[in-house]
Protein backbone atom coordinates (compact mmCIF):
# COMPACT_ATOMS: atom_id res chain seq x y z
CA UNK A 1 -12.61 37.76 50.64
CA UNK A 2 -13.20 38.59 47.01
CA UNK A 3 -13.05 41.79 45.17
CA UNK A 4 -15.00 42.70 42.13
CA UNK A 5 -13.21 44.68 39.38
CA UNK A 6 -14.49 48.37 39.19
CA UNK A 7 -15.77 47.94 35.50
CA UNK A 8 -18.15 45.25 36.51
CA UNK A 9 -21.46 46.76 37.60
CA UNK A 10 -22.71 45.27 40.94
CA UNK A 11 -26.53 44.41 39.92
CA UNK A 12 -29.16 44.13 42.64
CA UNK A 13 -31.19 42.27 39.76
CA UNK A 14 -30.84 38.62 39.95
CA UNK A 15 -32.49 35.40 38.58
CA UNK A 16 -36.02 36.21 38.27
CA UNK A 17 -35.73 39.87 38.79
CA UNK A 18 -35.76 42.68 36.07
CA UNK A 19 -34.42 46.15 36.01
CA UNK A 20 -37.26 48.51 36.69
CA UNK A 21 -36.11 50.72 34.02
CA UNK A 22 -37.04 47.95 31.34
CA UNK A 23 -40.49 47.54 32.71
CA UNK A 24 -43.37 48.72 30.28
CA UNK A 25 -44.40 52.45 31.04
CA UNK A 26 -48.17 53.34 30.76
CA UNK A 27 -48.98 55.46 27.82
CA UNK A 28 -45.65 54.29 26.05
CA UNK A 29 -45.26 51.89 23.02
CA UNK A 30 -47.29 48.54 23.76
CA UNK A 31 -45.01 45.55 24.12
CA UNK A 32 -47.54 43.64 22.34
CA UNK A 33 -49.13 45.78 19.72
CA UNK A 34 -51.20 43.11 18.14
CA UNK A 35 -52.46 41.47 21.22
CA UNK A 36 -54.94 38.77 21.37
CA UNK A 37 -57.20 39.20 18.35
CA UNK A 38 -60.78 39.90 18.93
CA UNK A 39 -63.04 36.88 18.88
CA UNK A 40 -60.45 34.51 19.65
CA UNK A 41 -61.40 31.71 22.07
CA UNK A 42 -59.74 30.82 25.39
CA UNK A 43 -58.84 27.30 26.44
CA UNK A 44 -61.91 26.68 28.50
CA UNK A 45 -64.09 27.68 25.41
CA UNK A 46 -62.00 25.40 23.28
CA UNK A 47 -62.33 22.43 25.73
CA UNK A 48 -65.88 22.82 25.86
CA UNK A 49 -66.43 22.94 22.25
CA UNK A 50 -64.00 19.99 21.52
CA UNK A 51 -65.92 17.70 24.31
CA UNK A 52 -69.33 18.70 23.02
CA UNK A 53 -68.86 17.43 19.42
CA UNK A 54 -71.19 14.61 18.75
CA UNK A 55 -69.75 11.43 17.15
CA UNK A 56 -71.63 8.32 16.08
CA UNK A 57 -70.84 5.34 17.92
CA UNK A 58 -72.17 1.61 18.09
CA UNK A 59 -73.34 0.65 21.56
CA UNK A 60 -75.15 -2.74 22.31
CA UNK A 61 -75.54 -3.35 18.47
CA UNK A 62 -77.18 0.02 17.85
CA UNK A 63 -75.75 3.24 16.32
CA UNK A 64 -76.32 6.25 18.44
CA UNK A 65 -74.96 9.83 18.37
CA UNK A 66 -73.60 11.20 21.58
CA UNK A 67 -71.07 14.09 22.73
CA UNK A 68 -67.44 12.76 23.40
CA UNK A 69 -67.71 13.61 26.91
CA UNK A 70 -70.64 11.55 27.39
CA UNK A 71 -68.82 8.65 25.48
CA UNK A 72 -65.86 9.20 27.74
CA UNK A 73 -68.25 8.66 30.96
CA UNK A 74 -69.50 5.39 29.25
CA UNK A 75 -65.89 4.05 28.80
CA UNK A 76 -65.04 5.00 32.51
CA UNK A 77 -68.04 2.99 33.44
CA UNK A 78 -67.18 -0.03 31.15
CA UNK A 79 -63.27 -0.28 32.23
CA UNK A 80 -64.54 0.10 35.81
CA UNK A 81 -66.86 -2.79 35.36
CA UNK A 82 -64.10 -4.81 33.80
CA UNK A 83 -61.91 -4.16 36.86
CA UNK A 84 -59.53 -1.34 35.87
CA UNK A 85 -58.43 0.24 39.08
CA UNK A 86 -57.75 3.59 37.85
CA UNK A 87 -61.02 3.69 36.07
CA UNK A 88 -63.05 2.43 39.31
CA UNK A 89 -60.97 5.30 41.07
CA UNK A 90 -62.25 7.81 38.57
CA UNK A 91 -65.72 6.51 38.75
CA UNK A 92 -65.75 6.89 42.51
CA UNK A 93 -64.68 10.33 42.48
CA UNK A 94 -67.31 11.42 39.73
CA UNK A 95 -69.95 9.64 41.84
CA UNK A 96 -68.93 11.59 44.95
CA UNK A 97 -68.75 14.84 42.88
CA UNK A 98 -72.06 14.34 40.81
CA UNK A 99 -74.25 11.64 42.46
CA UNK A 100 -75.31 12.96 45.90
CA UNK A 101 -77.27 9.91 46.65
CA UNK A 102 -81.03 9.60 47.35
CA UNK A 103 -82.47 11.89 50.12
CA UNK A 104 -85.34 10.67 52.00
CA UNK A 105 -87.44 12.77 54.22
CA UNK A 106 -86.71 12.33 58.03
CA UNK A 107 -89.12 9.72 59.87
CA UNK A 108 -91.73 10.53 62.33
CA UNK A 109 -89.31 9.50 65.10
CA UNK A 110 -86.41 11.75 63.67
CA UNK A 111 -88.93 14.67 63.41
CA UNK A 112 -90.16 14.31 66.83
CA UNK A 113 -86.62 14.32 68.26
CA UNK A 114 -85.82 17.42 66.22
CA UNK A 115 -88.86 19.27 67.68
CA UNK A 116 -88.01 18.03 71.36
CA UNK A 117 -84.47 19.49 70.87
CA UNK A 118 -86.06 22.65 69.70
CA UNK A 119 -88.50 22.85 72.58
CA UNK A 120 -85.58 22.23 75.12
CA UNK A 121 -83.48 25.02 73.43
CA UNK A 122 -86.60 27.48 73.70
CA UNK A 123 -86.80 26.72 77.42
CA UNK A 124 -83.25 27.39 78.00
CA UNK A 125 -83.33 30.49 76.17
CA UNK A 126 -86.15 31.59 78.43
CA UNK A 127 -84.56 30.51 81.61
CA UNK A 128 -81.12 32.20 80.90
CA UNK A 129 -82.40 35.17 78.87
CA UNK A 130 -79.93 34.52 76.11
CA UNK A 131 -80.38 34.85 72.30
CA UNK A 132 -83.00 37.38 72.63
CA UNK A 133 -84.84 38.12 69.42
CA UNK A 134 -85.37 41.82 68.14
CA UNK A 135 -89.02 41.71 68.87
CA UNK A 136 -88.51 40.50 72.58
CA UNK A 137 -89.21 43.45 75.03
CA UNK A 138 -89.06 41.88 78.27
CA UNK A 139 -86.05 42.34 80.37
C-alpha cells in the first residue's frame, strides 16, 4: 500500500489528457490570433502544382515538354520494362486503377441467355405473385 503526501494533488489528467480549465473558451482570446493567412495553399494544391510543372526532356532523341507527373509515369514504365520488380508492382497497380480494359458488347448468345433469364423471372413473378409493381392492379 502506498500513500501520497497531502501536498501532492491527485490528478485525473494523465498522458494525452488535459485539464478542461485550460481549454480555449468560445468568445475568449484566440489561441492562434494570426491563423492561417488568407490565400495560403494547402498540401494538396501544392502537390498538384508541383507535379504539373512542365519540364523539357529528351526522349527517343527528340526534345519534348511534359509535366513531371507524366515523366514519372514514363519512368515507371521504362523501369518496369527493364525488370525492376518494384516498378512492375507500381505499374500493375496503376493499370488496375486507371486502365479498366476493353469492354466488348455482349454476343448474341449472351444477350439471348439474358432475355431467357428475364422471361423465366417474369413467369415466376406471375406464378408466385411476388415483386408486384405499382401499376399492377390484380390480386
